[in-house]
Amino acid sequence: TADALLSVNTAPSAGDWASQLQNV
């Protein structure tokens, strides 16, 4: 599987604490 969809934790320094679906 290429460009797999996974929930990646965002950096708190960016002002977000949620995970974001990304092609990783």
mmCIF file of all heavy atoms, coordinates in Angstrom:
data_MODEL
# 
_entry.id   MODEL 
# 
loop_
_atom_site.group_PDB 
_atom_site.id 
_atom_site.type_symbol 
_atom_site.label_atom_id 
_atom_site.label_alt_id 
_atom_site.label_comp_id 
_atom_site.label_asym_id 
_atom_site.label_entity_id 
_atom_site.label_seq_id 
_atom_site.pdbx_PDB_ins_code 
_atom_site.Cartn_x 
_atom_site.Cartn_y 
_atom_site.Cartn_z 
_atom_site.occupancy 
_atom_site.B_iso_or_equiv 
_atom_site.pdbx_formal_charge 
_atom_site.auth_seq_id 
_atom_site.auth_comp_id 
_atom_site.auth_asym_id 
_atom_site.auth_atom_id 
_atom_site.pdbx_PDB_model_num 
ATOM 1   N N   . THR A 1 1  ? 0.844  -1.194 0.000  1.00 0.00 ? 1  THR A N   1 
ATOM 2   C CA  . THR A 1 1  ? 0.000  0.000  0.000  1.00 0.00 ? 1  THR A CA  1 
ATOM 3   C C   . THR A 1 1  ? 0.872  1.234  0.000  1.00 0.00 ? 1  THR A C   1 
ATOM 4   O O   . THR A 1 1  ? 1.729  1.398  0.880  1.00 0.00 ? 1  THR A O   1 
ATOM 5   C CB  . THR A 1 1  ? -0.917 0.025  1.242  1.00 0.00 ? 1  THR A CB  1 
ATOM 6   O OG1 . THR A 1 1  ? -1.746 -1.146 1.230  1.00 0.00 ? 1  THR A OG1 1 
ATOM 7   C CG2 . THR A 1 1  ? -1.795 1.264  1.235  1.00 0.00 ? 1  THR A CG2 1 
ATOM 8   N N   . ALA A 1 2  ? 0.676  2.094  -0.989 1.00 0.00 ? 2  ALA A N   1 
ATOM 9   C CA  . ALA A 1 2  ? 1.409  3.355  -1.081 1.00 0.00 ? 2  ALA A CA  1 
ATOM 10  C C   . ALA A 1 2  ? 0.503  4.496  -0.651 1.00 0.00 ? 2  ALA A C   1 
ATOM 11  O O   . ALA A 1 2  ? -0.726 4.399  -0.740 1.00 0.00 ? 2  ALA A O   1 
ATOM 12  C CB  . ALA A 1 2  ? 1.897  3.584  -2.513 1.00 0.00 ? 2  ALA A CB  1 
ATOM 13  N N   . ASP A 1 3  ? 1.113  5.567  -0.172 1.00 0.00 ? 3  ASP A N   1 
ATOM 14  C CA  . ASP A 1 3  ? 0.350  6.722  0.329  1.00 0.00 ? 3  ASP A CA  1 
ATOM 15  C C   . ASP A 1 3  ? -0.668 6.280  1.379  1.00 0.00 ? 3  ASP A C   1 
ATOM 16  O O   . ASP A 1 3  ? -1.834 6.709  1.368  1.00 0.00 ? 3  ASP A O   1 
ATOM 17  C CB  . ASP A 1 3  ? -0.355 7.465  -0.812 1.00 0.00 ? 3  ASP A CB  1 
ATOM 18  C CG  . ASP A 1 3  ? 0.626  8.043  -1.812 1.00 0.00 ? 3  ASP A CG  1 
ATOM 19  O OD1 . ASP A 1 3  ? 1.723  8.441  -1.395 1.00 0.00 ? 3  ASP A OD1 1 
ATOM 20  O OD2 . ASP A 1 3  ? 0.293  8.082  -3.014 1.00 0.00 ? 3  ASP A OD2 1 
ATOM 21  N N   . ALA A 1 4  ? -0.227 5.406  2.296  1.00 0.00 ? 4  ALA A N   1 
ATOM 22  C CA  . ALA A 1 4  ? -1.135 4.844  3.296  1.00 0.00 ? 4  ALA A CA  1 
ATOM 23  C C   . ALA A 1 4  ? -1.738 5.941  4.163  1.00 0.00 ? 4  ALA A C   1 
ATOM 24  O O   . ALA A 1 4  ? -1.059 6.883  4.584  1.00 0.00 ? 4  ALA A O   1 
ATOM 25  C CB  . ALA A 1 4  ? -0.384 3.846  4.167  1.00 0.00 ? 4  ALA A CB  1 
ATOM 26  N N   . LEU A 1 5  ? -3.032 5.816  4.459  1.00 0.00 ? 5  LEU A N   1 
ATOM 27  C CA  . LEU A 1 5  ? -3.747 6.794  5.280  1.00 0.00 ? 5  LEU A CA  1 
ATOM 28  C C   . LEU A 1 5  ? -3.615 6.416  6.750  1.00 0.00 ? 5  LEU A C   1 
ATOM 29  O O   . LEU A 1 5  ? -4.148 5.400  7.195  1.00 0.00 ? 5  LEU A O   1 
ATOM 30  C CB  . LEU A 1 5  ? -5.222 6.843  4.882  1.00 0.00 ? 5  LEU A CB  1 
ATOM 31  C CG  . LEU A 1 5  ? -5.519 7.456  3.516  1.00 0.00 ? 5  LEU A CG  1 
ATOM 32  C CD1 . LEU A 1 5  ? -6.957 7.193  3.112  1.00 0.00 ? 5  LEU A CD1 1 
ATOM 33  C CD2 . LEU A 1 5  ? -5.242 8.947  3.532  1.00 0.00 ? 5  LEU A CD2 1 
ATOM 34  N N   . LEU A 1 6  ? -2.886 7.232  7.505  1.00 0.00 ? 6  LEU A N   1 
ATOM 35  C CA  . LEU A 1 6  ? -2.671 6.992  8.924  1.00 0.00 ? 6  LEU A CA  1 
ATOM 36  C C   . LEU A 1 6  ? -2.891 8.275  9.702  1.00 0.00 ? 6  LEU A C   1 
ATOM 37  O O   . LEU A 1 6  ? -2.612 9.373  9.194  1.00 0.00 ? 6  LEU A O   1 
ATOM 38  C CB  . LEU A 1 6  ? -1.246 6.479  9.176  1.00 0.00 ? 6  LEU A CB  1 
ATOM 39  C CG  . LEU A 1 6  ? -0.872 5.160  8.504  1.00 0.00 ? 6  LEU A CG  1 
ATOM 40  C CD1 . LEU A 1 6  ? 0.612  4.879  8.694  1.00 0.00 ? 6  LEU A CD1 1 
ATOM 41  C CD2 . LEU A 1 6  ? -1.702 4.020  9.050  1.00 0.00 ? 6  LEU A CD2 1 
ATOM 42  N N   . SER A 1 7  ? -3.395 8.143  10.933 1.00 0.00 ? 7  SER A N   1 
ATOM 43  C CA  . SER A 1 7  ? -3.625 9.307  11.790 1.00 0.00 ? 7  SER A CA  1 
ATOM 44  C C   . SER A 1 7  ? -2.316 9.668  12.489 1.00 0.00 ? 7  SER A C   1 
ATOM 45  O O   . SER A 1 7  ? -1.868 8.950  13.379 1.00 0.00 ? 7  SER A O   1 
ATOM 46  C CB  . SER A 1 7  ? -4.722 9.010  12.818 1.00 0.00 ? 7  SER A CB  1 
ATOM 47  O OG  . SER A 1 7  ? -5.966 8.845  12.184 1.00 0.00 ? 7  SER A OG  1 
ATOM 48  N N   . VAL A 1 8  ? -1.717 10.772 12.091 1.00 0.00 ? 8  VAL A N   1 
ATOM 49  C CA  . VAL A 1 8  ? -0.425 11.218 12.608 1.00 0.00 ? 8  VAL A CA  1 
ATOM 50  C C   . VAL A 1 8  ? -0.658 12.309 13.646 1.00 0.00 ? 8  VAL A C   1 
ATOM 51  O O   . VAL A 1 8  ? -1.430 13.248 13.417 1.00 0.00 ? 8  VAL A O   1 
ATOM 52  C CB  . VAL A 1 8  ? 0.471  11.744 11.469 1.00 0.00 ? 8  VAL A CB  1 
ATOM 53  C CG1 . VAL A 1 8  ? 1.820  12.187 12.010 1.00 0.00 ? 8  VAL A CG1 1 
ATOM 54  C CG2 . VAL A 1 8  ? 0.647  10.676 10.398 1.00 0.00 ? 8  VAL A CG2 1 
ATOM 55  N N   . ASN A 1 9  ? 0.002  12.184 14.793 1.00 0.00 ? 9  ASN A N   1 
ATOM 56  C CA  . ASN A 1 9  ? -0.127 13.213 15.823 1.00 0.00 ? 9  ASN A CA  1 
ATOM 57  C C   . ASN A 1 9  ? 0.537  14.505 15.355 1.00 0.00 ? 9  ASN A C   1 
ATOM 58  O O   . ASN A 1 9  ? 1.655  14.494 14.844 1.00 0.00 ? 9  ASN A O   1 
ATOM 59  C CB  . ASN A 1 9  ? 0.537  12.742 17.120 1.00 0.00 ? 9  ASN A CB  1 
ATOM 60  C CG  . ASN A 1 9  ? -0.169 11.557 17.730 1.00 0.00 ? 9  ASN A CG  1 
ATOM 61  O OD1 . ASN A 1 9  ? -1.372 11.391 17.552 1.00 0.00 ? 9  ASN A OD1 1 
ATOM 62  N ND2 . ASN A 1 9  ? 0.572  10.724 18.438 1.00 0.00 ? 9  ASN A ND2 1 
ATOM 63  N N   . THR A 1 10 ? -0.147 15.609 15.543 1.00 0.00 ? 10 THR A N   1 
ATOM 64  C CA  . THR A 1 10 ? 0.411  16.902 15.164 1.00 0.00 ? 10 THR A CA  1 
ATOM 65  C C   . THR A 1 10 ? 1.248  17.463 16.310 1.00 0.00 ? 10 THR A C   1 
ATOM 66  O O   . THR A 1 10 ? 1.044  17.128 17.472 1.00 0.00 ? 10 THR A O   1 
ATOM 67  C CB  . THR A 1 10 ? -0.706 17.893 14.811 1.00 0.00 ? 10 THR A CB  1 
ATOM 68  O OG1 . THR A 1 10 ? -1.605 17.991 15.924 1.00 0.00 ? 10 THR A OG1 1 
ATOM 69  C CG2 . THR A 1 10 ? -1.487 17.426 13.592 1.00 0.00 ? 10 THR A CG2 1 
ATOM 70  N N   . ALA A 1 11 ? 2.187  18.306 15.985 1.00 0.00 ? 11 ALA A N   1 
ATOM 71  C CA  . ALA A 1 11 ? 3.077  18.884 16.987 1.00 0.00 ? 11 ALA A CA  1 
ATOM 72  C C   . ALA A 1 11 ? 2.324  19.908 17.832 1.00 0.00 ? 11 ALA A C   1 
ATOM 73  O O   . ALA A 1 11 ? 1.654  20.791 17.290 1.00 0.00 ? 11 ALA A O   1 
ATOM 74  C CB  . ALA A 1 11 ? 4.267  19.550 16.307 1.00 0.00 ? 11 ALA A CB  1 
ATOM 75  N N   . PRO A 1 12 ? 2.390  19.809 19.172 1.00 0.00 ? 12 PRO A N   1 
ATOM 76  C CA  . PRO A 1 12 ? 1.718  20.796 20.026 1.00 0.00 ? 12 PRO A CA  1 
ATOM 77  C C   . PRO A 1 12 ? 2.193  22.220 19.746 1.00 0.00 ? 12 PRO A C   1 
ATOM 78  O O   . PRO A 1 12 ? 1.433  23.172 19.942 1.00 0.00 ? 12 PRO A O   1 
ATOM 79  C CB  . PRO A 1 12 ? 2.104  20.345 21.443 1.00 0.00 ? 12 PRO A CB  1 
ATOM 80  C CG  . PRO A 1 12 ? 2.402  18.888 21.313 1.00 0.00 ? 12 PRO A CG  1 
ATOM 81  C CD  . PRO A 1 12 ? 3.017  18.733 19.947 1.00 0.00 ? 12 PRO A CD  1 
ATOM 82  N N   . SER A 1 13 ? 3.431  22.368 19.289 1.00 0.00 ? 13 SER A N   1 
ATOM 83  C CA  . SER A 1 13 ? 3.948  23.703 18.999 1.00 0.00 ? 13 SER A CA  1 
ATOM 84  C C   . SER A 1 13 ? 3.199  24.371 17.863 1.00 0.00 ? 13 SER A C   1 
ATOM 85  O O   . SER A 1 13 ? 3.244  25.599 17.710 1.00 0.00 ? 13 SER A O   1 
ATOM 86  C CB  . SER A 1 13 ? 5.445  23.629 18.663 1.00 0.00 ? 13 SER A CB  1 
ATOM 87  O OG  . SER A 1 13 ? 5.652  22.783 17.538 1.00 0.00 ? 13 SER A OG  1 
ATOM 88  N N   . ALA A 1 14 ? 2.474  23.567 17.068 1.00 0.00 ? 14 ALA A N   1 
ATOM 89  C CA  . ALA A 1 14 ? 1.680  24.140 15.975 1.00 0.00 ? 14 ALA A CA  1 
ATOM 90  C C   . ALA A 1 14 ? 0.326  24.626 16.462 1.00 0.00 ? 14 ALA A C   1 
ATOM 91  O O   . ALA A 1 14 ? -0.452 25.175 15.671 1.00 0.00 ? 14 ALA A O   1 
ATOM 92  C CB  . ALA A 1 14 ? 1.497  23.106 14.869 1.00 0.00 ? 14 ALA A CB  1 
ATOM 93  N N   . GLY A 1 15 ? 0.034  24.430 17.746 1.00 0.00 ? 15 GLY A N   1 
ATOM 94  C CA  . GLY A 1 15 ? -1.237 24.887 18.285 1.00 0.00 ? 15 GLY A CA  1 
ATOM 95  C C   . GLY A 1 15 ? -2.338 23.857 18.210 1.00 0.00 ? 15 GLY A C   1 
ATOM 96  O O   . GLY A 1 15 ? -3.485 24.149 18.527 1.00 0.00 ? 15 GLY A O   1 
ATOM 97  N N   . ASP A 1 16 ? -2.006 22.629 17.781 1.00 0.00 ? 16 ASP A N   1 
ATOM 98  C CA  . ASP A 1 16 ? -2.993 21.562 17.661 1.00 0.00 ? 16 ASP A CA  1 
ATOM 99  C C   . ASP A 1 16 ? -2.604 20.407 18.579 1.00 0.00 ? 16 ASP A C   1 
ATOM 100 O O   . ASP A 1 16 ? -1.431 20.133 18.783 1.00 0.00 ? 16 ASP A O   1 
ATOM 101 C CB  . ASP A 1 16 ? -3.077 21.052 16.214 1.00 0.00 ? 16 ASP A CB  1 
ATOM 102 C CG  . ASP A 1 16 ? -3.467 22.158 15.240 1.00 0.00 ? 16 ASP A CG  1 
ATOM 103 O OD1 . ASP A 1 16 ? -4.334 22.968 15.599 1.00 0.00 ? 16 ASP A OD1 1 
ATOM 104 O OD2 . ASP A 1 16 ? -2.895 22.201 14.136 1.00 0.00 ? 16 ASP A OD2 1 
ATOM 105 N N   . TRP A 1 17 ? -3.611 19.712 19.099 1.00 0.00 ? 17 TRP A N   1 
ATOM 106 C CA  . TRP A 1 17 ? -3.354 18.539 19.930 1.00 0.00 ? 17 TRP A CA  1 
ATOM 107 C C   . TRP A 1 17 ? -4.024 17.298 19.368 1.00 0.00 ? 17 TRP A C   1 
ATOM 108 O O   . TRP A 1 17 ? -3.940 16.235 19.945 1.00 0.00 ? 17 TRP A O   1 
ATOM 109 C CB  . TRP A 1 17 ? -3.850 18.792 21.356 1.00 0.00 ? 17 TRP A CB  1 
ATOM 110 C CG  . TRP A 1 17 ? -2.990 19.774 22.086 1.00 0.00 ? 17 TRP A CG  1 
ATOM 111 C CD1 . TRP A 1 17 ? -1.900 19.488 22.861 1.00 0.00 ? 17 TRP A CD1 1 
ATOM 112 C CD2 . TRP A 1 17 ? -3.114 21.183 22.093 1.00 0.00 ? 17 TRP A CD2 1 
ATOM 113 N NE1 . TRP A 1 17 ? -1.350 20.644 23.348 1.00 0.00 ? 17 TRP A NE1 1 
ATOM 114 C CE2 . TRP A 1 17 ? -2.081 21.704 22.901 1.00 0.00 ? 17 TRP A CE2 1 
ATOM 115 C CE3 . TRP A 1 17 ? -3.997 22.085 21.494 1.00 0.00 ? 17 TRP A CE3 1 
ATOM 116 C CZ2 . TRP A 1 17 ? -1.901 23.068 23.128 1.00 0.00 ? 17 TRP A CZ2 1 
ATOM 117 C CZ3 . TRP A 1 17 ? -3.825 23.430 21.711 1.00 0.00 ? 17 TRP A CZ3 1 
ATOM 118 C CH2 . TRP A 1 17 ? -2.792 23.915 22.520 1.00 0.00 ? 17 TRP A CH2 1 
ATOM 119 N N   . ALA A 1 18 ? -4.684 17.431 18.245 1.00 0.00 ? 18 ALA A N   1 
ATOM 120 C CA  . ALA A 1 18 ? -5.392 16.294 17.650 1.00 0.00 ? 18 ALA A CA  1 
ATOM 121 C C   . ALA A 1 18 ? -4.498 15.597 16.636 1.00 0.00 ? 18 ALA A C   1 
ATOM 122 O O   . ALA A 1 18 ? -3.454 16.102 16.235 1.00 0.00 ? 18 ALA A O   1 
ATOM 123 C CB  . ALA A 1 18 ? -6.678 16.782 16.977 1.00 0.00 ? 18 ALA A CB  1 
ATOM 124 N N   . SER A 1 19 ? -4.895 14.402 16.239 1.00 0.00 ? 19 SER A N   1 
ATOM 125 C CA  . SER A 1 19 ? -4.200 13.697 15.161 1.00 0.00 ? 19 SER A CA  1 
ATOM 126 C C   . SER A 1 19 ? -4.840 14.077 13.836 1.00 0.00 ? 19 SER A C   1 
ATOM 127 O O   . SER A 1 19 ? -6.000 14.483 13.774 1.00 0.00 ? 19 SER A O   1 
ATOM 128 C CB  . SER A 1 19 ? -4.260 12.186 15.378 1.00 0.00 ? 19 SER A CB  1 
ATOM 129 O OG  . SER A 1 19 ? -5.611 11.747 15.426 1.00 0.00 ? 19 SER A OG  1 
ATOM 130 N N   . GLN A 1 20 ? -4.068 13.925 12.765 1.00 0.00 ? 20 GLN A N   1 
ATOM 131 C CA  . GLN A 1 20 ? -4.533 14.311 11.438 1.00 0.00 ? 20 GLN A CA  1 
ATOM 132 C C   . GLN A 1 20 ? -4.235 13.182 10.460 1.00 0.00 ? 20 GLN A C   1 
ATOM 133 O O   . GLN A 1 20 ? -3.127 12.650 10.416 1.00 0.00 ? 20 GLN A O   1 
ATOM 134 C CB  . GLN A 1 20 ? -3.843 15.588 10.963 1.00 0.00 ? 20 GLN A CB  1 
ATOM 135 C CG  . GLN A 1 20 ? -4.066 15.924 9.491  1.00 0.00 ? 20 GLN A CG  1 
ATOM 136 C CD  . GLN A 1 20 ? -5.530 16.142 9.164  1.00 0.00 ? 20 GLN A CD  1 
ATOM 137 O OE1 . GLN A 1 20 ? -6.203 16.917 9.826  1.00 0.00 ? 20 GLN A OE1 1 
ATOM 138 N NE2 . GLN A 1 20 ? -6.029 15.453 8.149  1.00 0.00 ? 20 GLN A NE2 1 
ATOM 139 N N   . LEU A 1 21 ? -5.228 12.813 9.685  1.00 0.00 ? 21 LEU A N   1 
ATOM 140 C CA  . LEU A 1 21 ? -5.040 11.793 8.659  1.00 0.00 ? 21 LEU A CA  1 
ATOM 141 C C   . LEU A 1 21 ? -4.087 12.318 7.590  1.00 0.00 ? 21 LEU A C   1 
ATOM 142 O O   . LEU A 1 21 ? -4.271 13.411 7.059  1.00 0.00 ? 21 LEU A O   1 
ATOM 143 C CB  . LEU A 1 21 ? -6.388 11.428 8.038  1.00 0.00 ? 21 LEU A CB  1 
ATOM 144 C CG  . LEU A 1 21 ? -6.489 10.048 7.387  1.00 0.00 ? 21 LEU A CG  1 
ATOM 145 C CD1 . LEU A 1 21 ? -6.327 8.949  8.424  1.00 0.00 ? 21 LEU A CD1 1 
ATOM 146 C CD2 . LEU A 1 21 ? -7.817 9.900  6.661  1.00 0.00 ? 21 LEU A CD2 1 
ATOM 147 N N   . GLN A 1 22 ? -3.049 11.517 7.300  1.00 0.00 ? 22 GLN A N   1 
ATOM 148 C CA  . GLN A 1 22 ? -2.057 11.895 6.297  1.00 0.00 ? 22 GLN A CA  1 
ATOM 149 C C   . GLN A 1 22 ? -1.712 10.688 5.430  1.00 0.00 ? 22 GLN A C   1 
ATOM 150 O O   . GLN A 1 22 ? -1.851 9.540  5.848  1.00 0.00 ? 22 GLN A O   1 
ATOM 151 C CB  . GLN A 1 22 ? -0.779 12.418 6.958  1.00 0.00 ? 22 GLN A CB  1 
ATOM 152 C CG  . GLN A 1 22 ? -0.953 13.678 7.785  1.00 0.00 ? 22 GLN A CG  1 
ATOM 153 C CD  . GLN A 1 22 ? 0.361  14.188 8.344  1.00 0.00 ? 22 GLN A CD  1 
ATOM 154 O OE1 . GLN A 1 22 ? 1.434  13.873 7.831  1.00 0.00 ? 22 GLN A OE1 1 
ATOM 155 N NE2 . GLN A 1 22 ? 0.287  14.964 9.419  1.00 0.00 ? 22 GLN A NE2 1 
ATOM 156 N N   . ASN A 1 23 ? -1.257 10.990 4.211  1.00 0.00 ? 23 ASN A N   1 
ATOM 157 C CA  . ASN A 1 23 ? -0.717 9.953  3.339  1.00 0.00 ? 23 ASN A CA  1 
ATOM 158 C C   . ASN A 1 23 ? 0.757  9.771  3.696  1.00 0.00 ? 23 ASN A C   1 
ATOM 159 O O   . ASN A 1 23 ? 1.587  10.604 3.360  1.00 0.00 ? 23 ASN A O   1 
ATOM 160 C CB  . ASN A 1 23 ? -0.850 10.347 1.869  1.00 0.00 ? 23 ASN A CB  1 
ATOM 161 C CG  . ASN A 1 23 ? -2.299 10.492 1.443  1.00 0.00 ? 23 ASN A CG  1 
ATOM 162 O OD1 . ASN A 1 23 ? -2.823 11.602 1.358  1.00 0.00 ? 23 ASN A OD1 1 
ATOM 163 N ND2 . ASN A 1 23 ? -2.945 9.376  1.190  1.00 0.00 ? 23 ASN A ND2 1 
ATOM 164 N N   . VAL A 1 24 ? 1.051  8.690  4.407  1.00 0.00 ? 24 VAL A N   1 
ATOM 165 C CA  . VAL A 1 24 ? 2.401  8.520  4.943  1.00 0.00 ? 24 VAL A CA  1 
ATOM 166 C C   . VAL A 1 24 ? 2.979  7.184  4.487  1.00 0.00 ? 24 VAL A C   1 
ATOM 167 O O   . VAL A 1 24 ? 2.498  6.124  4.885  1.00 0.00 ? 24 VAL A O   1 
ATOM 168 C CB  . VAL A 1 24 ? 2.401  8.565  6.488  1.00 0.00 ? 24 VAL A CB  1 
ATOM 169 C CG1 . VAL A 1 24 ? 3.823  8.418  7.017  1.00 0.00 ? 24 VAL A CG1 1 
ATOM 170 C CG2 . VAL A 1 24 ? 1.809  9.864  6.980  1.00 0.00 ? 24 VAL A CG2 1 
# 
